[in-house]
Amino acid sequence: MIETLEATILGVFTGKARERWDGKAPSAIAKQAATTSLWLSKTGILGDEQADTAVHGGPEKALHHYAADHMPHWASQFPESGDFFKPGCFGENISSLGLTEANLCLGDILKMDGATVEICQGRQPCWKLNLHTGIAAMAPQFQRTGFTGWYYRVIEEGEVAAGGPIRLLQRQQPDWPLQRLIKARFDPRLPASEAEELAGLSVLAEAWRAAFARKMDPAFTENTDRRLKG
């Protein structure tokens, strides 16, 4: 019998790609709360855009969920920006309370209002978080804490709206809570045995499986400076 996990959608957020920073690529990280229900397709919410489709969007990043539970942490860490930290502020599509990286697992299948979704990877924070928030340490802190949020692939398309229910339907990988998975992704000393296990999990997004396959080589090193600092 799986754990009973239920929550309510606090907000559904979408954005348009636009030029925001001189000399930098466009971004759709600034999102607005929807006032009506929106259609969630296999590739994302109708009306939501991705500026760089090489690293954003697609079936394995159809929907980004961020736990509003973490907002008090960020407000305490960066009190001068305390008013910034509210649902939607990190470019997420879905915000809720009660579902976090600690109690959700890779491969969890959830009923989200009228759609059904499956957790397939965490978020890899990048430099756009730093510019968007105005906090140079934001992306590195996201990575350090593991409070990154997570992505879904869509199993069944449907409508999603603020106030809609979220309920865990099936747990496929109880040994891989998201906090453990995300920590492993960014661990430069991850044991090869764990890397091999993760690289072989079909429910994990292809890009993360490839990343763990590289980590199986003890000589492999990953430079994250460009992603985190731009």
Protein backbone atom coordinates (compact mmCIF):
# COMPACT_ATOMS: atom_id res chain seq x y z
CA MET A 1 0.00 0.00 0.00
CA ILE A 2 1.47 3.37 -1.02
CA GLU A 3 1.71 6.40 1.21
CA THR A 4 -1.30 8.71 1.04
CA LEU A 5 -0.08 11.98 -0.41
CA GLU A 6 -2.49 14.70 -1.40
CA ALA A 7 -2.18 18.41 -2.06
CA THR A 8 -3.92 21.30 -3.78
CA ILE A 9 -2.54 23.29 -6.70
CA LEU A 10 -1.76 26.78 -5.38
CA GLY A 11 -1.12 28.19 -8.82
CA VAL A 12 -0.55 27.33 -12.48
CA PHE A 13 2.02 29.56 -14.18
CA THR A 14 2.95 30.24 -17.80
CA GLY A 15 5.31 32.63 -19.53
CA LYS A 16 6.43 33.98 -22.89
CA ALA A 17 10.01 34.00 -24.11
CA ARG A 18 11.47 37.49 -24.28
CA GLU A 19 14.73 39.43 -24.18
CA ARG A 20 15.53 40.27 -20.58
CA TRP A 21 19.27 40.77 -20.19
CA ASP A 22 21.75 42.49 -22.49
CA GLY A 23 24.02 40.03 -24.25
CA LYS A 24 22.14 37.02 -22.91
CA ALA A 25 19.71 34.58 -24.50
CA PRO A 26 15.96 35.21 -24.18
CA SER A 27 14.08 33.54 -21.34
CA ALA A 28 10.53 32.60 -20.33
CA ILE A 29 11.42 32.18 -16.65
CA ALA A 30 9.18 35.11 -15.65
CA LYS A 31 5.75 33.48 -15.46
CA GLN A 32 2.28 34.73 -14.59
CA ALA A 33 -0.48 32.98 -12.69
CA ALA A 34 -3.29 31.64 -14.85
CA THR A 35 -6.82 32.72 -13.93
CA THR A 36 -8.56 29.86 -15.73
CA SER A 37 -7.91 26.16 -16.28
CA LEU A 38 -5.30 25.36 -18.93
CA TRP A 39 -4.70 22.32 -21.10
CA LEU A 40 -1.69 20.20 -20.20
CA SER A 41 -0.43 18.31 -23.24
CA LYS A 42 2.38 15.80 -23.64
CA THR A 43 4.80 18.69 -24.18
CA GLY A 44 3.52 21.19 -21.66
CA ILE A 45 0.85 23.72 -20.73
CA LEU A 46 -0.91 25.42 -23.61
CA GLY A 47 0.44 28.96 -23.86
CA ASP A 48 3.68 28.33 -21.96
CA GLU A 49 6.88 28.95 -23.94
CA GLN A 50 10.51 27.87 -23.71
CA ALA A 51 13.19 30.13 -25.13
CA ASP A 52 15.88 27.45 -25.48
CA THR A 53 14.28 24.17 -26.47
CA ALA A 54 17.66 22.42 -26.39
CA VAL A 55 17.54 22.42 -22.58
CA HIS A 56 13.93 23.30 -21.74
CA GLY A 57 10.58 21.79 -22.62
CA GLY A 58 9.81 18.58 -24.45
CA PRO A 59 8.08 15.41 -23.22
CA GLU A 60 10.50 14.85 -20.31
CA LYS A 61 10.26 18.47 -19.12
CA ALA A 62 6.60 19.01 -19.86
CA LEU A 63 5.81 20.47 -16.45
CA HIS A 64 7.95 21.92 -13.66
CA HIS A 65 6.68 21.67 -10.08
CA TYR A 66 8.17 23.64 -7.20
CA ALA A 67 7.32 23.25 -3.52
CA ALA A 68 6.05 26.46 -1.97
CA ASP A 69 7.19 24.80 1.28
CA HIS A 70 10.70 26.09 0.50
CA MET A 71 9.80 29.78 0.27
CA PRO A 72 10.38 30.48 4.00
CA HIS A 73 13.87 28.98 3.67
CA TRP A 74 14.77 31.28 0.78
CA ALA A 75 13.29 34.31 2.53
CA SER A 76 15.44 33.56 5.59
CA GLN A 77 18.55 33.08 3.48
CA PHE A 78 18.04 36.27 1.49
CA PRO A 79 15.93 38.56 3.72
CA GLU A 80 16.65 41.60 1.56
CA SER A 81 14.66 39.86 -1.19
CA GLY A 82 12.06 38.29 1.08
CA ASP A 83 9.06 39.66 -0.82
CA PHE A 84 10.25 37.98 -4.02
CA PHE A 85 9.81 34.45 -2.74
CA LYS A 86 6.26 33.40 -3.54
CA PRO A 87 4.66 30.77 -5.80
CA GLY A 88 5.76 31.12 -9.41
CA CYS A 89 8.91 33.09 -8.62
CA PHE A 90 11.35 30.46 -9.88
CA GLY A 91 9.74 29.88 -13.26
CA GLU A 92 7.78 26.83 -12.14
CA ASN A 93 4.50 25.83 -13.77
CA ILE A 94 2.91 24.28 -10.66
CA SER A 95 3.13 25.31 -7.01
CA SER A 96 1.77 23.42 -4.02
CA LEU A 97 2.24 22.84 -0.30
CA GLY A 98 2.96 19.43 1.21
CA LEU A 99 4.74 17.78 -1.71
CA THR A 100 8.52 18.09 -1.63
CA GLU A 101 11.72 16.40 -2.73
CA ALA A 102 11.66 14.59 0.63
CA ASN A 103 8.33 12.79 0.23
CA LEU A 104 8.16 12.27 -3.55
CA CYS A 105 10.19 9.75 -5.52
CA LEU A 106 11.47 9.28 -9.02
CA GLY A 107 8.76 7.57 -11.06
CA ASP A 108 5.87 8.63 -8.84
CA ILE A 109 2.64 8.82 -10.84
CA LEU A 110 0.24 11.51 -9.71
CA LYS A 111 -3.24 12.57 -10.67
CA MET A 112 -2.98 16.33 -11.12
CA ASP A 113 -6.46 17.79 -11.51
CA GLY A 114 -7.58 16.43 -14.91
CA ALA A 115 -4.18 15.11 -16.02
CA THR A 116 -1.91 12.24 -14.97
CA VAL A 117 1.83 12.86 -14.68
CA GLU A 118 5.02 10.96 -13.83
CA ILE A 119 8.12 12.37 -12.12
CA CYS A 120 11.13 11.78 -14.37
CA GLN A 121 13.93 14.13 -13.23
CA GLY A 122 14.96 17.01 -11.02
CA ARG A 123 15.85 20.50 -12.17
CA GLN A 124 19.39 21.51 -12.98
CA PRO A 125 19.60 25.18 -11.94
CA CYS A 126 21.32 27.60 -14.28
CA TRP A 127 22.57 31.19 -14.40
CA LYS A 128 19.15 32.50 -15.45
CA LEU A 129 18.01 32.03 -11.85
CA ASN A 130 20.75 34.41 -10.72
CA LEU A 131 19.70 37.15 -13.13
CA HIS A 132 15.98 36.59 -12.68
CA THR A 133 16.16 36.81 -8.89
CA GLY A 134 18.93 39.41 -8.77
CA ILE A 135 20.85 37.09 -6.42
CA ALA A 136 24.20 35.92 -7.77
CA ALA A 137 24.27 32.92 -5.43
CA MET A 138 20.78 31.66 -6.30
CA ALA A 139 21.63 28.87 -8.76
CA PRO A 140 24.53 27.52 -6.67
CA GLN A 141 22.32 27.56 -3.56
CA PHE A 142 19.54 25.74 -5.44
CA GLN A 143 22.04 23.03 -6.30
CA ARG A 144 23.59 22.88 -2.82
CA THR A 145 20.28 22.55 -0.97
CA GLY A 146 18.63 20.20 -3.47
CA PHE A 147 15.52 22.42 -3.33
CA THR A 148 15.33 22.39 -7.12
CA GLY A 149 11.84 21.20 -7.87
CA TRP A 150 11.19 18.43 -10.38
CA TYR A 151 9.86 17.71 -13.86
CA TYR A 152 7.03 15.52 -15.08
CA ARG A 153 6.28 13.66 -18.25
CA VAL A 154 2.56 13.62 -19.04
CA ILE A 155 0.86 10.21 -19.04
CA GLU A 156 -2.67 11.48 -19.69
CA GLU A 157 -3.40 14.97 -20.97
CA GLY A 158 -6.00 17.11 -19.25
CA GLU A 159 -6.98 20.43 -17.70
CA VAL A 160 -5.10 21.87 -14.72
CA ALA A 161 -6.09 24.85 -12.60
CA ALA A 162 -5.39 26.53 -9.29
CA GLY A 163 -7.44 24.79 -6.61
CA GLY A 164 -7.27 21.45 -8.38
CA PRO A 165 -6.29 18.33 -6.42
CA ILE A 166 -3.00 16.43 -6.65
CA ARG A 167 -2.88 12.83 -5.45
CA LEU A 168 -0.21 10.14 -5.54
CA LEU A 169 -1.45 7.14 -7.53
CA GLN A 170 1.58 4.87 -7.82
CA ARG A 171 5.10 4.66 -6.41
CA GLN A 172 7.56 2.86 -8.69
CA GLN A 173 10.94 3.68 -7.15
CA PRO A 174 10.62 3.94 -3.36
CA ASP A 175 14.39 3.66 -2.95
CA TRP A 176 14.92 6.87 -4.90
CA PRO A 177 13.24 9.82 -3.16
CA LEU A 178 13.89 12.98 -5.11
CA GLN A 179 16.21 14.42 -2.48
CA ARG A 180 18.47 11.38 -2.89
CA LEU A 181 18.25 11.46 -6.69
CA ILE A 182 19.06 15.18 -6.89
CA LYS A 183 21.94 14.85 -4.44
CA ALA A 184 23.34 12.00 -6.55
CA ARG A 185 23.09 14.04 -9.75
CA PHE A 186 25.30 16.78 -8.34
CA ASP A 187 27.66 14.57 -6.28
CA PRO A 188 31.16 14.63 -7.84
CA ARG A 189 32.10 11.53 -5.82
CA LEU A 190 29.02 9.42 -6.50
CA PRO A 191 29.87 5.71 -6.19
CA ALA A 192 30.02 4.03 -9.57
CA SER A 193 27.53 1.40 -8.40
CA GLU A 194 24.87 4.06 -7.74
CA ALA A 195 25.62 5.77 -11.03
CA GLU A 196 25.20 2.46 -12.83
CA GLU A 197 21.90 1.76 -11.08
CA LEU A 198 20.50 5.17 -12.02
CA ALA A 199 21.75 4.97 -15.59
CA GLY A 200 19.72 1.79 -15.95
CA LEU A 201 16.38 3.14 -14.67
CA SER A 202 14.03 3.47 -17.63
CA VAL A 203 11.71 5.83 -15.76
CA LEU A 204 14.52 8.39 -15.41
CA ALA A 205 14.71 11.04 -18.15
CA GLU A 206 17.15 10.18 -20.93
CA ALA A 207 19.40 13.19 -20.26
CA TRP A 208 19.83 12.24 -16.60
CA ARG A 209 20.46 8.60 -17.48
CA ALA A 210 23.23 9.74 -19.80
CA ALA A 211 24.68 11.95 -17.07
CA PHE A 212 24.80 9.04 -14.64
CA ALA A 213 26.34 6.82 -17.31
CA ARG A 214 29.22 9.32 -17.53
CA LYS A 215 29.56 9.26 -13.75
CA MET A 216 30.26 5.53 -13.90
CA ASP A 217 33.78 6.44 -15.10
CA PRO A 218 35.94 7.26 -12.02
CA ALA A 219 38.02 9.61 -14.17
CA PHE A 220 35.02 11.71 -15.24
CA THR A 221 34.75 15.26 -13.91
CA GLU A 222 31.88 17.65 -14.55
CA ASN A 223 32.43 21.39 -14.74
CA THR A 224 29.23 23.17 -13.70
CA ASP A 225 30.61 26.74 -13.73
CA ARG A 226 29.16 27.65 -17.12
CA ARG A 227 25.70 26.38 -16.21
CA LEU A 228 25.62 28.02 -12.78
CA LYS A 229 27.39 31.29 -13.59
CA GLY A 230 26.67 31.86 -17.28
